[in-house]
Amino acid sequence: MCHHVPACPDAHDPHFNEATLVADHDVDQGWVLLCNGVIRFHDGGCLVPS
């Protein structure tokens, strides 16, 4: 759950990509974790929590 104010967009929201970055491994591993649970890959793909 997001504790930011205002809250980050939900993983299924069209603007999910605007959520706060939680972990940044883009340079070394090619992915980042967003506050809403989405894992975004540097090639543009993403995994959305179910």
N, C-alpha and C. Protein backbone atom coordinates (compact mmCIF):
# COMPACT_ATOMS: atom_id res chain seq x y z
N MET A 1 0.83 -1.19 0.00
CA MET A 1 0.00 0.00 0.00
C MET A 1 0.87 1.25 0.00
N CYS A 2 0.43 2.22 -0.72
CA CYS A 2 1.12 3.50 -0.80
C CYS A 2 0.75 4.37 0.40
N HIS A 3 1.78 4.96 1.00
CA HIS A 3 1.55 5.86 2.13
C HIS A 3 1.88 7.30 1.76
N HIS A 4 2.06 7.57 0.47
CA HIS A 4 2.37 8.92 0.02
C HIS A 4 1.10 9.77 -0.01
N VAL A 5 1.27 11.07 0.13
CA VAL A 5 0.15 12.00 0.03
C VAL A 5 0.50 13.00 -1.05
N PRO A 6 -0.23 13.08 -2.13
CA PRO A 6 -1.34 12.22 -2.50
C PRO A 6 -0.86 10.81 -2.85
N ALA A 7 -1.77 9.87 -2.78
CA ALA A 7 -1.43 8.46 -3.02
C ALA A 7 -0.99 8.24 -4.47
N CYS A 8 -0.08 7.30 -4.65
CA CYS A 8 0.37 6.93 -6.00
C CYS A 8 -0.77 6.26 -6.75
N PRO A 9 -0.78 6.37 -8.07
CA PRO A 9 -1.83 5.71 -8.85
C PRO A 9 -1.74 4.19 -8.69
N ASP A 10 -2.88 3.55 -8.67
CA ASP A 10 -2.97 2.10 -8.57
C ASP A 10 -2.28 1.44 -9.77
N ALA A 11 -1.87 0.19 -9.61
CA ALA A 11 -1.17 -0.54 -10.67
C ALA A 11 -2.03 -0.68 -11.94
N HIS A 12 -3.35 -0.61 -11.81
CA HIS A 12 -4.23 -0.77 -12.96
C HIS A 12 -4.75 0.58 -13.48
N ASP A 13 -4.30 1.66 -12.89
CA ASP A 13 -4.66 3.01 -13.33
C ASP A 13 -3.90 3.34 -14.61
N PRO A 14 -4.49 4.06 -15.54
CA PRO A 14 -3.77 4.43 -16.76
C PRO A 14 -2.47 5.20 -16.51
N HIS A 15 -2.37 5.86 -15.36
CA HIS A 15 -1.18 6.64 -15.03
C HIS A 15 -0.31 5.93 -14.01
N PHE A 16 -0.35 4.59 -13.99
CA PHE A 16 0.40 3.79 -13.01
C PHE A 16 1.89 4.12 -13.01
N ASN A 17 2.40 4.55 -14.14
CA ASN A 17 3.83 4.81 -14.31
C ASN A 17 4.31 6.04 -13.53
N GLU A 18 3.38 6.83 -13.01
CA GLU A 18 3.73 8.03 -12.24
C GLU A 18 3.94 7.74 -10.76
N ALA A 19 3.84 6.47 -10.35
CA ALA A 19 4.03 6.10 -8.95
C ALA A 19 5.48 6.34 -8.54
N THR A 20 5.69 6.52 -7.25
CA THR A 20 7.02 6.78 -6.70
C THR A 20 7.93 5.57 -6.87
N LEU A 21 9.18 5.84 -7.20
CA LEU A 21 10.19 4.79 -7.34
C LEU A 21 10.57 4.25 -5.96
N VAL A 22 10.55 2.93 -5.79
CA VAL A 22 10.90 2.31 -4.52
C VAL A 22 12.29 1.71 -4.60
N ALA A 23 12.61 1.05 -5.72
CA ALA A 23 13.93 0.45 -5.93
C ALA A 23 14.35 0.71 -7.37
N ASP A 24 15.58 1.17 -7.54
CA ASP A 24 16.08 1.51 -8.87
C ASP A 24 17.27 0.62 -9.22
N HIS A 25 17.03 -0.35 -10.10
CA HIS A 25 18.09 -1.24 -10.59
C HIS A 25 18.18 -1.14 -12.11
N ASP A 26 17.79 0.03 -12.62
CA ASP A 26 17.74 0.22 -14.08
C ASP A 26 19.12 0.09 -14.72
N VAL A 27 20.14 0.65 -14.11
CA VAL A 27 21.47 0.64 -14.70
C VAL A 27 22.10 -0.76 -14.64
N ASP A 28 22.03 -1.41 -13.48
CA ASP A 28 22.72 -2.68 -13.33
C ASP A 28 21.90 -3.90 -13.76
N GLN A 29 20.57 -3.87 -13.59
CA GLN A 29 19.76 -5.04 -13.91
C GLN A 29 18.63 -4.76 -14.89
N GLY A 30 18.35 -3.50 -15.18
CA GLY A 30 17.36 -3.15 -16.18
C GLY A 30 15.92 -3.09 -15.70
N TRP A 31 15.69 -2.87 -14.40
CA TRP A 31 14.32 -2.76 -13.90
C TRP A 31 14.24 -1.81 -12.72
N VAL A 32 13.01 -1.30 -12.48
CA VAL A 32 12.72 -0.48 -11.31
C VAL A 32 11.42 -0.98 -10.70
N LEU A 33 11.28 -0.79 -9.39
CA LEU A 33 10.06 -1.15 -8.67
C LEU A 33 9.36 0.13 -8.27
N LEU A 34 8.08 0.21 -8.62
CA LEU A 34 7.28 1.38 -8.27
C LEU A 34 6.48 1.10 -7.00
N CYS A 35 6.05 2.14 -6.34
CA CYS A 35 5.33 2.05 -5.07
C CYS A 35 4.05 1.23 -5.19
N ASN A 36 3.44 1.21 -6.35
CA ASN A 36 2.19 0.48 -6.56
C ASN A 36 2.42 -1.00 -6.88
N GLY A 37 3.66 -1.46 -6.79
CA GLY A 37 3.97 -2.87 -7.00
C GLY A 37 4.35 -3.24 -8.42
N VAL A 38 4.30 -2.29 -9.33
CA VAL A 38 4.65 -2.54 -10.73
C VAL A 38 6.17 -2.63 -10.87
N ILE A 39 6.63 -3.63 -11.60
CA ILE A 39 8.04 -3.73 -11.96
C ILE A 39 8.14 -3.29 -13.41
N ARG A 40 8.89 -2.21 -13.65
CA ARG A 40 9.03 -1.65 -14.99
C ARG A 40 10.44 -1.97 -15.50
N PHE A 41 10.50 -2.56 -16.70
CA PHE A 41 11.77 -2.92 -17.30
C PHE A 41 12.25 -1.82 -18.24
N HIS A 42 13.56 -1.73 -18.40
CA HIS A 42 14.13 -0.64 -19.20
C HIS A 42 13.75 -0.73 -20.67
N ASP A 43 13.28 -1.88 -21.15
CA ASP A 43 12.85 -1.99 -22.55
C ASP A 43 11.41 -1.54 -22.75
N GLY A 44 10.76 -1.06 -21.65
CA GLY A 44 9.39 -0.55 -21.76
C GLY A 44 8.32 -1.51 -21.26
N GLY A 45 8.68 -2.77 -21.06
CA GLY A 45 7.72 -3.74 -20.56
C GLY A 45 7.51 -3.57 -19.06
N CYS A 46 6.48 -4.22 -18.53
CA CYS A 46 6.24 -4.14 -17.09
C CYS A 46 5.47 -5.36 -16.62
N LEU A 47 5.61 -5.63 -15.33
CA LEU A 47 4.83 -6.65 -14.64
C LEU A 47 3.93 -5.95 -13.66
N VAL A 48 2.65 -6.26 -13.72
CA VAL A 48 1.65 -5.64 -12.84
C VAL A 48 1.18 -6.67 -11.84
N PRO A 49 1.13 -6.33 -10.54
CA PRO A 49 0.66 -7.31 -9.56
C PRO A 49 -0.79 -7.69 -9.83
N SER A 50 -1.12 -8.93 -9.55
CA SER A 50 -2.50 -9.39 -9.81
C SER A 50 -3.40 -9.14 -8.63
